[in-house]
């Protein structure tokens, strides 16, 4: 993981999240710090990553899978899962810094 960047296993940049930054309550320290149990409940994606022994979904041999594509914030719609899939594939190939740049450029 790049200095100063904390990613979720599903492709979000925790550092950019309102809950992580403390702008919204409850404060979240990131899924890794919470052992895959953030404030909203248990994350099946986190459990899957642990089960497959990878650091994030983009490094999994089964990626992108139906489980990943079906996990998304209903307020953002399923397209957000597709965007995260692209960011994770890019992250797997080019690293954390470049993936963060891309994610921030597209406003994700």
PDB file of N, CA and C in Angstrom:
ATOM      1  N   UNK A   1       0.837  -1.167   0.000  1.00  0.00           N
ATOM      2  CA  UNK A   1       0.000   0.000   0.000  1.00  0.00           C
ATOM      3  C   UNK A   1       0.890   1.239   0.000  1.00  0.00           C
ATOM      4  N   UNK A   2       0.532   2.213  -0.782  1.00  0.00           N
ATOM      5  CA  UNK A   2       1.321   3.433  -0.890  1.00  0.00           C
ATOM      6  C   UNK A   2       1.222   4.254   0.389  1.00  0.00           C
ATOM      7  N   UNK A   3       2.278   5.017   0.670  1.00  0.00           N
ATOM      8  CA  UNK A   3       2.280   5.863   1.849  1.00  0.00           C
ATOM      9  C   UNK A   3       1.083   6.798   1.828  1.00  0.00           C
ATOM     10  N   UNK A   4       0.376   6.876   2.955  1.00  0.00           N
ATOM     11  CA  UNK A   4      -0.720   7.808   3.088  1.00  0.00           C
ATOM     12  C   UNK A   4      -2.010   7.378   2.423  1.00  0.00           C
ATOM     13  N   UNK A   5      -2.043   6.248   1.772  1.00  0.00           N
ATOM     14  CA  UNK A   5      -3.259   5.776   1.123  1.00  0.00           C
ATOM     15  C   UNK A   5      -3.777   4.533   1.826  1.00  0.00           C
ATOM     16  N   UNK A   6      -5.048   4.570   2.142  1.00  0.00           N
ATOM     17  CA  UNK A   6      -5.688   3.394   2.707  1.00  0.00           C
ATOM     18  C   UNK A   6      -6.832   3.038   1.778  1.00  0.00           C
ATOM     19  N   UNK A   7      -6.761   1.844   1.202  1.00  0.00           N
ATOM     20  CA  UNK A   7      -7.779   1.344   0.296  1.00  0.00           C
ATOM     21  C   UNK A   7      -8.640   0.298   0.998  1.00  0.00           C
ATOM     22  N   UNK A   8      -9.883   0.197   0.562  1.00  0.00           N
ATOM     23  CA  UNK A   8     -10.695  -0.945   0.962  1.00  0.00           C
ATOM     24  C   UNK A   8     -10.364  -2.088  -0.002  1.00  0.00           C
ATOM     25  N   UNK A   9     -10.697  -3.297   0.377  1.00  0.00           N
ATOM     26  CA  UNK A   9     -10.402  -4.449  -0.477  1.00  0.00           C
ATOM     27  C   UNK A   9     -11.218  -4.427  -1.763  1.00  0.00           C
ATOM     28  N   UNK A  10     -12.324  -3.667  -1.755  1.00  0.00           N
ATOM     29  CA  UNK A  10     -13.218  -3.632  -2.915  1.00  0.00           C
ATOM     30  C   UNK A  10     -12.940  -2.473  -3.856  1.00  0.00           C
ATOM     31  N   UNK A  11     -11.903  -1.672  -3.568  1.00  0.00           N
ATOM     32  CA  UNK A  11     -11.500  -0.651  -4.508  1.00  0.00           C
ATOM     33  C   UNK A  11     -11.806   0.782  -4.156  1.00  0.00           C
ATOM     34  N   UNK A  12     -12.341   1.032  -2.978  1.00  0.00           N
ATOM     35  CA  UNK A  12     -12.571   2.412  -2.553  1.00  0.00           C
ATOM     36  C   UNK A  12     -11.325   2.944  -1.855  1.00  0.00           C
ATOM     37  N   UNK A  13     -11.100   4.236  -1.949  1.00  0.00           N
ATOM     38  CA  UNK A  13      -9.995   4.862  -1.234  1.00  0.00           C
ATOM     39  C   UNK A  13     -10.566   5.387   0.078  1.00  0.00           C
ATOM     40  N   UNK A  14     -10.210   4.742   1.172  1.00  0.00           N
ATOM     41  CA  UNK A  14     -10.742   5.132   2.468  1.00  0.00           C
ATOM     42  C   UNK A  14     -10.448   6.602   2.780  1.00  0.00           C
ATOM     43  N   UNK A  15      -9.249   7.054   2.414  1.00  0.00           N
ATOM     44  CA  UNK A  15      -8.847   8.428   2.697  1.00  0.00           C
ATOM     45  C   UNK A  15      -9.813   9.456   2.112  1.00  0.00           C
ATOM     46  N   UNK A  16     -10.568   9.098   1.089  1.00  0.00           N
ATOM     47  CA  UNK A  16     -11.504  10.012   0.440  1.00  0.00           C
ATOM     48  C   UNK A  16     -12.927   9.878   0.976  1.00  0.00           C
ATOM     49  N   UNK A  17     -13.152   8.950   1.877  1.00  0.00           N
ATOM     50  CA  UNK A  17     -14.491   8.662   2.393  1.00  0.00           C
ATOM     51  C   UNK A  17     -14.869   9.617   3.525  1.00  0.00           C
ATOM     52  N   UNK A  18     -16.098  10.135   3.490  1.00  0.00           N
ATOM     53  CA  UNK A  18     -16.580  11.060   4.516  1.00  0.00           C
ATOM     54  C   UNK A  18     -16.596  10.421   5.904  1.00  0.00           C
ATOM     55  N   UNK A  19     -16.855   9.125   5.971  1.00  0.00           N
ATOM     56  CA  UNK A  19     -16.885   8.428   7.261  1.00  0.00           C
ATOM     57  C   UNK A  19     -15.467   8.233   7.801  1.00  0.00           C
ATOM     58  N   UNK A  20     -14.542   7.935   6.908  1.00  0.00           N
ATOM     59  CA  UNK A  20     -13.150   7.753   7.315  1.00  0.00           C
ATOM     60  C   UNK A  20     -12.550   9.077   7.789  1.00  0.00           C
ATOM     61  N   UNK A  21     -12.863  10.163   7.091  1.00  0.00           N
ATOM     62  CA  UNK A  21     -12.329  11.478   7.434  1.00  0.00           C
ATOM     63  C   UNK A  21     -13.020  12.087   8.651  1.00  0.00           C
ATOM     64  N   UNK A  22     -14.088  11.454   9.132  1.00  0.00           N
ATOM     65  CA  UNK A  22     -14.800  11.961  10.304  1.00  0.00           C
ATOM     66  C   UNK A  22     -15.799  13.056   9.987  1.00  0.00           C
ATOM     67  N   UNK A  23     -16.121  13.246   8.705  1.00  0.00           N
ATOM     68  CA  UNK A  23     -17.090  14.260   8.311  1.00  0.00           C
ATOM     69  C   UNK A  23     -18.515  13.777   8.532  1.00  0.00           C
ATOM     70  N   UNK A  24     -18.698  12.452   8.607  1.00  0.00           N
ATOM     71  CA  UNK A  24     -19.994  11.843   8.896  1.00  0.00           C
ATOM     72  C   UNK A  24     -19.797  10.852  10.030  1.00  0.00           C
ATOM     73  N   UNK A  25     -20.851  10.612  10.753  1.00  0.00           N
ATOM     74  CA  UNK A  25     -20.832   9.655  11.850  1.00  0.00           C
ATOM     75  C   UNK A  25     -21.605   8.410  11.448  1.00  0.00           C
ATOM     76  N   UNK A  26     -21.217   7.257  11.942  1.00  0.00           N
ATOM     77  CA  UNK A  26     -20.090   7.002  12.845  1.00  0.00           C
ATOM     78  C   UNK A  26     -18.768   6.983  12.083  1.00  0.00           C
ATOM     79  N   UNK A  27     -17.712   7.305  12.768  1.00  0.00           N
ATOM     80  CA  UNK A  27     -16.375   7.332  12.164  1.00  0.00           C
ATOM     81  C   UNK A  27     -15.942   5.905  11.833  1.00  0.00           C
ATOM     82  N   UNK A  28     -15.339   5.743  10.689  1.00  0.00           N
ATOM     83  CA  UNK A  28     -14.858   4.436  10.232  1.00  0.00           C
ATOM     84  C   UNK A  28     -13.345   4.509  10.060  1.00  0.00           C
ATOM     85  N   UNK A  29     -12.643   3.488  10.473  1.00  0.00           N
ATOM     86  CA  UNK A  29     -11.185   3.441  10.336  1.00  0.00           C
ATOM     87  C   UNK A  29     -10.745   2.611   9.134  1.00  0.00           C
ATOM     88  N   UNK A  30     -11.706   2.173   8.349  1.00  0.00           N
ATOM     89  CA  UNK A  30     -11.406   1.336   7.188  1.00  0.00           C
ATOM     90  C   UNK A  30     -11.719  -0.115   7.492  1.00  0.00           C
ATOM     91  N   UNK A  31     -12.059  -0.874   6.456  1.00  0.00           N
ATOM     92  CA  UNK A  31     -12.498  -2.257   6.677  1.00  0.00           C
ATOM     93  C   UNK A  31     -11.398  -3.136   7.262  1.00  0.00           C
ATOM     94  N   UNK A  32     -10.161  -2.870   6.916  1.00  0.00           N
ATOM     95  CA  UNK A  32      -9.068  -3.679   7.458  1.00  0.00           C
ATOM     96  C   UNK A  32      -8.945  -3.469   8.966  1.00  0.00           C
ATOM     97  N   UNK A  33      -9.029  -2.225   9.393  1.00  0.00           N
ATOM     98  CA  UNK A  33      -8.944  -1.916  10.828  1.00  0.00           C
ATOM     99  C   UNK A  33     -10.106  -2.527  11.603  1.00  0.00           C
ATOM    100  N   UNK A  34     -11.247  -2.667  10.939  1.00  0.00           N
ATOM    101  CA  UNK A  34     -12.437  -3.225  11.585  1.00  0.00           C
ATOM    102  C   UNK A  34     -12.589  -4.725  11.335  1.00  0.00           C
ATOM    103  N   UNK A  35     -11.603  -5.339  10.708  1.00  0.00           N
ATOM    104  CA  UNK A  35     -11.677  -6.770  10.440  1.00  0.00           C
ATOM    105  C   UNK A  35     -12.840  -7.142   9.538  1.00  0.00           C
ATOM    106  N   UNK A  36     -13.167  -6.252   8.595  1.00  0.00           N
ATOM    107  CA  UNK A  36     -14.256  -6.541   7.669  1.00  0.00           C
ATOM    108  C   UNK A  36     -15.635  -6.314   8.244  1.00  0.00           C
ATOM    109  N   UNK A  37     -15.700  -5.603   9.377  1.00  0.00           N
ATOM    110  CA  UNK A  37     -16.994  -5.330  10.013  1.00  0.00           C
ATOM    111  C   UNK A  37     -17.145  -3.829  10.259  1.00  0.00           C
ATOM    112  N   UNK A  38     -17.329  -3.060   9.164  1.00  0.00           N
ATOM    113  CA  UNK A  38     -17.510  -1.618   9.324  1.00  0.00           C
ATOM    114  C   UNK A  38     -18.844  -1.320  10.009  1.00  0.00           C
ATOM    115  N   UNK A  39     -19.129  -0.047  10.236  1.00  0.00           N
ATOM    116  CA  UNK A  39     -20.310   0.355  10.982  1.00  0.00           C
ATOM    117  C   UNK A  39     -21.616  -0.149  10.378  1.00  0.00           C
ATOM    118  N   UNK A  40     -21.659  -0.404   9.092  1.00  0.00           N
ATOM    119  CA  UNK A  40     -22.907  -0.801   8.444  1.00  0.00           C
ATOM    120  C   UNK A  40     -23.162  -2.304   8.493  1.00  0.00           C
ATOM    121  N   UNK A  41     -22.204  -3.093   8.993  1.00  0.00           N
ATOM    122  CA  UNK A  41     -22.415  -4.536   9.113  1.00  0.00           C
ATOM    123  C   UNK A  41     -21.195  -5.324   8.680  1.00  0.00           C
ATOM    124  N   UNK A  42     -21.378  -6.614   8.472  1.00  0.00           N
ATOM    125  CA  UNK A  42     -20.271  -7.471   8.054  1.00  0.00           C
ATOM    126  C   UNK A  42     -20.140  -7.439   6.532  1.00  0.00           C
ATOM    127  N   UNK A  43     -18.921  -7.229   6.050  1.00  0.00           N
ATOM    128  CA  UNK A  43     -18.685  -7.095   4.620  1.00  0.00           C
ATOM    129  C   UNK A  43     -18.353  -8.455   3.998  1.00  0.00           C
ATOM    130  N   UNK A  44     -19.218  -8.973   3.130  1.00  0.00           N
ATOM    131  CA  UNK A  44     -18.937 -10.261   2.495  1.00  0.00           C
ATOM    132  C   UNK A  44     -17.744 -10.184   1.530  1.00  0.00           C
ATOM    133  N   UNK A  45     -17.482  -9.016   0.979  1.00  0.00           N
ATOM    134  CA  UNK A  45     -16.343  -8.864   0.075  1.00  0.00           C
ATOM    135  C   UNK A  45     -15.039  -9.022   0.839  1.00  0.00           C
ATOM    136  N   UNK A  46     -14.961  -8.438   2.017  1.00  0.00           N
ATOM    137  CA  UNK A  46     -13.766  -8.561   2.860  1.00  0.00           C
ATOM    138  C   UNK A  46     -13.529 -10.032   3.213  1.00  0.00           C
ATOM    139  N   UNK A  47     -14.597 -10.717   3.599  1.00  0.00           N
ATOM    140  CA  UNK A  47     -14.489 -12.139   3.955  1.00  0.00           C
ATOM    141  C   UNK A  47     -14.009 -12.955   2.751  1.00  0.00           C
ATOM    142  N   UNK A  48     -14.490 -12.617   1.573  1.00  0.00           N
ATOM    143  CA  UNK A  48     -14.096 -13.331   0.359  1.00  0.00           C
ATOM    144  C   UNK A  48     -12.609 -13.133   0.052  1.00  0.00           C
ATOM    145  N   UNK A  49     -12.136 -11.902   0.201  1.00  0.00           N
ATOM    146  CA  UNK A  49     -10.716 -11.599  -0.037  1.00  0.00           C
ATOM    147  C   UNK A  49      -9.842 -12.406   0.926  1.00  0.00           C
ATOM    148  N   UNK A  50     -10.242 -12.456   2.189  1.00  0.00           N
ATOM    149  CA  UNK A  50      -9.488 -13.253   3.166  1.00  0.00           C
ATOM    150  C   UNK A  50      -9.511 -14.730   2.785  1.00  0.00           C
ATOM    151  N   UNK A  51     -10.669 -15.200   2.388  1.00  0.00           N
ATOM    152  CA  UNK A  51     -10.832 -16.608   1.986  1.00  0.00           C
ATOM    153  C   UNK A  51      -9.911 -16.956   0.805  1.00  0.00           C
ATOM    154  N   UNK A  52      -9.731 -16.019  -0.119  1.00  0.00           N
ATOM    155  CA  UNK A  52      -8.897 -16.246  -1.300  1.00  0.00           C
ATOM    156  C   UNK A  52      -7.424 -15.892  -1.068  1.00  0.00           C
ATOM    157  N   UNK A  53      -7.112 -15.318   0.088  1.00  0.00           N
ATOM    158  CA  UNK A  53      -5.719 -15.030   0.432  1.00  0.00           C
ATOM    159  C   UNK A  53      -5.062 -13.956  -0.420  1.00  0.00           C
ATOM    160  N   UNK A  54      -5.839 -12.935  -0.798  1.00  0.00           N
ATOM    161  CA  UNK A  54      -5.304 -11.828  -1.596  1.00  0.00           C
ATOM    162  C   UNK A  54      -5.496 -10.512  -0.838  1.00  0.00           C
ATOM    163  N   UNK A  55      -4.763  -9.482  -1.254  1.00  0.00           N
ATOM    164  CA  UNK A  55      -4.866  -8.182  -0.592  1.00  0.00           C
ATOM    165  C   UNK A  55      -6.092  -7.385  -1.021  1.00  0.00           C
ATOM    166  N   UNK A  56      -6.529  -7.573  -2.243  1.00  0.00           N
ATOM    167  CA  UNK A  56      -7.742  -6.903  -2.729  1.00  0.00           C
ATOM    168  C   UNK A  56      -8.321  -7.713  -3.887  1.00  0.00           C
ATOM    169  N   UNK A  57      -9.550  -7.426  -4.205  1.00  0.00           N
ATOM    170  CA  UNK A  57     -10.273  -8.192  -5.224  1.00  0.00           C
ATOM    171  C   UNK A  57      -9.542  -8.245  -6.560  1.00  0.00           C
ATOM    172  N   UNK A  58      -8.883  -7.173  -6.946  1.00  0.00           N
ATOM    173  CA  UNK A  58      -8.204  -7.117  -8.229  1.00  0.00           C
ATOM    174  C   UNK A  58      -7.089  -8.139  -8.385  1.00  0.00           C
ATOM    175  N   UNK A  59      -6.635  -8.715  -7.283  1.00  0.00           N
ATOM    176  CA  UNK A  59      -5.564  -9.714  -7.319  1.00  0.00           C
ATOM    177  C   UNK A  59      -6.093 -11.149  -7.298  1.00  0.00           C
ATOM    178  N   UNK A  60      -7.400 -11.290  -7.231  1.00  0.00           N
ATOM    179  CA  UNK A  60      -8.009 -12.619  -7.153  1.00  0.00           C
ATOM    180  C   UNK A  60      -8.117 -13.239  -8.546  1.00  0.00           C
ATOM    181  N   UNK A  61      -7.831 -14.507  -8.648  1.00  0.00           N
ATOM    182  CA  UNK A  61      -7.918 -15.230  -9.910  1.00  0.00           C
ATOM    183  C   UNK A  61      -9.336 -15.338 -10.444  1.00  0.00           C
ATOM    184  N   UNK A  62     -10.335 -15.133  -9.609  1.00  0.00           N
ATOM    185  CA  UNK A  62     -11.736 -15.213 -10.029  1.00  0.00           C
ATOM    186  C   UNK A  62     -12.327 -13.846 -10.360  1.00  0.00           C
ATOM    187  N   UNK A  63     -11.538 -12.806 -10.231  1.00  0.00           N
ATOM    188  CA  UNK A  63     -12.006 -11.435 -10.439  1.00  0.00           C
ATOM    189  C   UNK A  63     -12.120 -11.109 -11.913  1.00  0.00           C
ATOM    190  N   UNK A  64     -13.138 -10.395 -12.339  1.00  0.00           N
ATOM    191  CA  UNK A  64     -14.313  -9.956 -11.588  1.00  0.00           C
ATOM    192  C   UNK A  64     -15.350 -11.076 -11.534  1.00  0.00           C
ATOM    193  N   UNK A  65     -15.937 -11.247 -10.401  1.00  0.00           N
ATOM    194  CA  UNK A  65     -16.905 -12.327 -10.198  1.00  0.00           C
ATOM    195  C   UNK A  65     -18.299 -11.741  -9.953  1.00  0.00           C
ATOM    196  N   UNK A  66     -19.294 -12.603  -9.987  1.00  0.00           N
ATOM    197  CA  UNK A  66     -20.672 -12.164  -9.746  1.00  0.00           C
ATOM    198  C   UNK A  66     -20.828 -11.570  -8.356  1.00  0.00           C
ATOM    199  N   UNK A  67     -20.158 -12.151  -7.373  1.00  0.00           N
ATOM    200  CA  UNK A  67     -20.254 -11.647  -6.002  1.00  0.00           C
ATOM    201  C   UNK A  67     -19.806 -10.187  -5.938  1.00  0.00           C
ATOM    202  N   UNK A  68     -18.701  -9.874  -6.594  1.00  0.00           N
ATOM    203  CA  UNK A  68     -18.190  -8.505  -6.594  1.00  0.00           C
ATOM    204  C   UNK A  68     -19.166  -7.551  -7.293  1.00  0.00           C
ATOM    205  N   UNK A  69     -19.634  -7.927  -8.464  1.00  0.00           N
ATOM    206  CA  UNK A  69     -20.508  -7.057  -9.254  1.00  0.00           C
ATOM    207  C   UNK A  69     -21.855  -6.812  -8.561  1.00  0.00           C
ATOM    208  N   UNK A  70     -22.272  -7.765  -7.736  1.00  0.00           N
ATOM    209  CA  UNK A  70     -23.546  -7.614  -7.025  1.00  0.00           C
ATOM    210  C   UNK A  70     -23.427  -6.806  -5.727  1.00  0.00           C
ATOM    211  N   UNK A  71     -22.192  -6.482  -5.287  1.00  0.00           N
ATOM    212  CA  UNK A  71     -21.986  -5.704  -4.055  1.00  0.00           C
ATOM    213  C   UNK A  71     -21.780  -4.244  -4.418  1.00  0.00           C
ATOM    214  N   UNK A  72     -22.749  -3.417  -4.121  1.00  0.00           N
ATOM    215  CA  UNK A  72     -22.636  -1.996  -4.412  1.00  0.00           C
ATOM    216  C   UNK A  72     -23.556  -1.200  -3.499  1.00  0.00           C
ATOM    217  N   UNK A  73     -23.251   0.066  -3.362  1.00  0.00           N
ATOM    218  CA  UNK A  73     -24.062   0.987  -2.579  1.00  0.00           C
ATOM    219  C   UNK A  73     -25.314   1.298  -3.398  1.00  0.00           C
ATOM    220  N   UNK A  74     -26.502   0.964  -2.889  1.00  0.00           N
ATOM    221  CA  UNK A  74     -27.726   1.207  -3.659  1.00  0.00           C
ATOM    222  C   UNK A  74     -27.898   2.675  -4.075  1.00  0.00           C
ATOM    223  N   UNK A  75     -27.352   3.591  -3.304  1.00  0.00           N
ATOM    224  CA  UNK A  75     -27.484   5.007  -3.660  1.00  0.00           C
ATOM    225  C   UNK A  75     -26.635   5.369  -4.875  1.00  0.00           C
ATOM    226  N   UNK A  76     -25.641   4.528  -5.209  1.00  0.00           N
ATOM    227  CA  UNK A  76     -24.776   4.783  -6.358  1.00  0.00           C
ATOM    228  C   UNK A  76     -25.106   3.898  -7.555  1.00  0.00           C
ATOM    229  N   UNK A  77     -25.821   2.834  -7.315  1.00  0.00           N
ATOM    230  CA  UNK A  77     -26.205   1.934  -8.393  1.00  0.00           C
ATOM    231  C   UNK A  77     -25.111   0.927  -8.748  1.00  0.00           C
ATOM    232  N   UNK A  78     -25.500  -0.055  -9.522  1.00  0.00           N
ATOM    233  CA  UNK A  78     -24.598  -1.148  -9.868  1.00  0.00           C
ATOM    234  C   UNK A  78     -23.417  -0.689 -10.712  1.00  0.00           C
ATOM    235  N   UNK A  79     -23.557   0.426 -11.416  1.00  0.00           N
ATOM    236  CA  UNK A  79     -22.450   0.927 -12.218  1.00  0.00           C
ATOM    237  C   UNK A  79     -21.229   1.213 -11.339  1.00  0.00           C
ATOM    238  N   UNK A  80     -21.453   1.531 -10.066  1.00  0.00           N
ATOM    239  CA  UNK A  80     -20.318   1.801  -9.169  1.00  0.00           C
ATOM    240  C   UNK A  80     -19.454   0.552  -8.991  1.00  0.00           C
ATOM    241  N   UNK A  81     -20.058  -0.635  -9.016  1.00  0.00           N
ATOM    242  CA  UNK A  81     -19.286  -1.878  -8.913  1.00  0.00           C
ATOM    243  C   UNK A  81     -18.433  -2.079 -10.160  1.00  0.00           C
ATOM    244  N   UNK A  82     -18.975  -1.720 -11.300  1.00  0.00           N
ATOM    245  CA  UNK A  82     -18.239  -1.864 -12.555  1.00  0.00           C
ATOM    246  C   UNK A  82     -17.059  -0.892 -12.583  1.00  0.00           C
ATOM    247  N   UNK A  83     -17.266   0.329 -12.102  1.00  0.00           N
ATOM    248  CA  UNK A  83     -16.188   1.317 -12.032  1.00  0.00           C
ATOM    249  C   UNK A  83     -15.102   0.834 -11.069  1.00  0.00           C
ATOM    250  N   UNK A  84     -15.511   0.321  -9.897  1.00  0.00           N
ATOM    251  CA  UNK A  84     -14.530  -0.197  -8.935  1.00  0.00           C
ATOM    252  C   UNK A  84     -13.752  -1.363  -9.527  1.00  0.00           C
ATOM    253  N   UNK A  85     -14.408  -2.199 -10.317  1.00  0.00           N
ATOM    254  CA  UNK A  85     -13.722  -3.330 -10.960  1.00  0.00           C
ATOM    255  C   UNK A  85     -12.613  -2.818 -11.869  1.00  0.00           C
ATOM    256  N   UNK A  86     -12.914  -1.793 -12.631  1.00  0.00           N
ATOM    257  CA  UNK A  86     -11.895  -1.214 -13.504  1.00  0.00           C
ATOM    258  C   UNK A  86     -10.739  -0.628 -12.720  1.00  0.00           C
ATOM    259  N   UNK A  87     -11.049   0.066 -11.643  1.00  0.00           N
ATOM    260  CA  UNK A  87     -10.000   0.655 -10.804  1.00  0.00           C
ATOM    261  C   UNK A  87      -9.135  -0.433 -10.178  1.00  0.00           C
ATOM    262  N   UNK A  88      -9.770  -1.516  -9.720  1.00  0.00           N
ATOM    263  CA  UNK A  88      -9.004  -2.614  -9.118  1.00  0.00           C
ATOM    264  C   UNK A  88      -8.120  -3.323 -10.134  1.00  0.00           C
ATOM    265  N   UNK A  89      -8.608  -3.508 -11.344  1.00  0.00           N
ATOM    266  CA  UNK A  89      -7.783  -4.120 -12.389  1.00  0.00           C
ATOM    267  C   UNK A  89      -6.590  -3.220 -12.689  1.00  0.00           C
ATOM    268  N   UNK A  90      -6.827  -1.930 -12.747  1.00  0.00           N
ATOM    269  CA  UNK A  90      -5.757  -0.957 -12.985  1.00  0.00           C
ATOM    270  C   UNK A  90      -4.776  -0.962 -11.812  1.00  0.00           C
ATOM    271  N   UNK A  91      -5.307  -1.041 -10.595  1.00  0.00           N
ATOM    272  CA  UNK A  91      -4.469  -1.086  -9.385  1.00  0.00           C
ATOM    273  C   UNK A  91      -3.573  -2.319  -9.381  1.00  0.00           C
ATOM    274  N   UNK A  92      -4.117  -3.470  -9.775  1.00  0.00           N
ATOM    275  CA  UNK A  92      -3.338  -4.711  -9.800  1.00  0.00           C
ATOM    276  C   UNK A  92      -2.167  -4.603 -10.760  1.00  0.00           C
ATOM    277  N   UNK A  93      -2.355  -3.881 -11.847  1.00  0.00           N
ATOM    278  CA  UNK A  93      -1.317  -3.770 -12.862  1.00  0.00           C
ATOM    279  C   UNK A  93      -0.360  -2.601 -12.620  1.00  0.00           C
ATOM    280  N   UNK A  94      -0.877  -1.470 -12.118  1.00  0.00           N
ATOM    281  CA  UNK A  94      -0.077  -0.248 -12.032  1.00  0.00           C
ATOM    282  C   UNK A  94       0.206   0.250 -10.609  1.00  0.00           C
ATOM    283  N   UNK A  95      -0.388  -0.372  -9.596  1.00  0.00           N
ATOM    284  CA  UNK A  95      -0.104   0.004  -8.221  1.00  0.00           C
ATOM    285  C   UNK A  95      -1.086   0.995  -7.612  1.00  0.00           C
ATOM    286  N   UNK A  96      -0.905   1.198  -6.308  1.00  0.00           N
ATOM    287  CA  UNK A  96      -1.824   2.009  -5.517  1.00  0.00           C
ATOM    288  C   UNK A  96      -1.861   3.478  -5.940  1.00  0.00           C
ATOM    289  N   UNK A  97      -0.701   4.076  -6.108  1.00  0.00           N
ATOM    290  CA  UNK A  97      -0.638   5.512  -6.429  1.00  0.00           C
ATOM    291  C   UNK A  97      -1.380   5.826  -7.720  1.00  0.00           C
ATOM    292  N   UNK A  98      -1.107   5.067  -8.769  1.00  0.00           N
ATOM    293  CA  UNK A  98      -1.747   5.329 -10.068  1.00  0.00           C
ATOM    294  C   UNK A  98      -3.242   5.031 -10.001  1.00  0.00           C
ATOM    295  N   UNK A  99      -3.625   4.011  -9.243  1.00  0.00           N
ATOM    296  CA  UNK A  99      -5.047   3.705  -9.089  1.00  0.00           C
ATOM    297  C   UNK A  99      -5.758   4.832  -8.345  1.00  0.00           C
ATOM    298  N   UNK A 100      -5.099   5.387  -7.331  1.00  0.00           N
ATOM    299  CA  UNK A 100      -5.686   6.511  -6.601  1.00  0.00           C
ATOM    300  C   UNK A 100      -5.841   7.719  -7.508  1.00  0.00           C
ATOM    301  N   UNK A 101      -4.839   7.986  -8.319  1.00  0.00           N
ATOM    302  CA  UNK A 101      -4.917   9.099  -9.271  1.00  0.00           C
ATOM    303  C   UNK A 101      -6.109   8.922 -10.207  1.00  0.00           C
ATOM    304  N   UNK A 102      -6.256   7.721 -10.750  1.00  0.00           N
ATOM    305  CA  UNK A 102      -7.361   7.440 -11.665  1.00  0.00           C
ATOM    306  C   UNK A 102      -8.704   7.604 -10.960  1.00  0.00           C
ATOM    307  N   UNK A 103      -8.820   7.008  -9.783  1.00  0.00           N
ATOM    308  CA  UNK A 103     -10.079   7.073  -9.039  1.00  0.00           C
ATOM    309  C   UNK A 103     -10.464   8.524  -8.734  1.00  0.00           C
ATOM    310  N   UNK A 104      -9.508   9.303  -8.339  1.00  0.00           N
ATOM    311  CA  UNK A 104      -9.779  10.711  -8.016  1.00  0.00           C
ATOM    312  C   UNK A 104     -10.078  11.519  -9.273  1.00  0.00           C
ATOM    313  N   UNK A 105      -9.434  11.183 -10.373  1.00  0.00           N
ATOM    314  CA  UNK A 105      -9.662  11.888 -11.633  1.00  0.00           C
ATOM    315  C   UNK A 105     -11.097  11.708 -12.105  1.00  0.00           C
ATOM    316  N   UNK A 106     -11.625  10.489 -11.942  1.00  0.00           N
ATOM    317  CA  UNK A 106     -12.988  10.225 -12.404  1.00  0.00           C
ATOM    318  C   UNK A 106     -14.016  10.513 -11.318  1.00  0.00           C
ATOM    319  N   UNK A 107     -13.552  10.950 -10.151  1.00  0.00           N
ATOM    320  CA  UNK A 107     -14.467  11.314  -9.079  1.00  0.00           C
ATOM    321  C   UNK A 107     -15.151  10.149  -8.409  1.00  0.00           C
ATOM    322  N   UNK A 108     -14.451   9.058  -8.309  1.00  0.00           N
ATOM    323  CA  UNK A 108     -15.046   7.876  -7.669  1.00  0.00           C
ATOM    324  C   UNK A 108     -14.551   7.720  -6.257  1.00  0.00           C
TER     325      UNK A 108
END
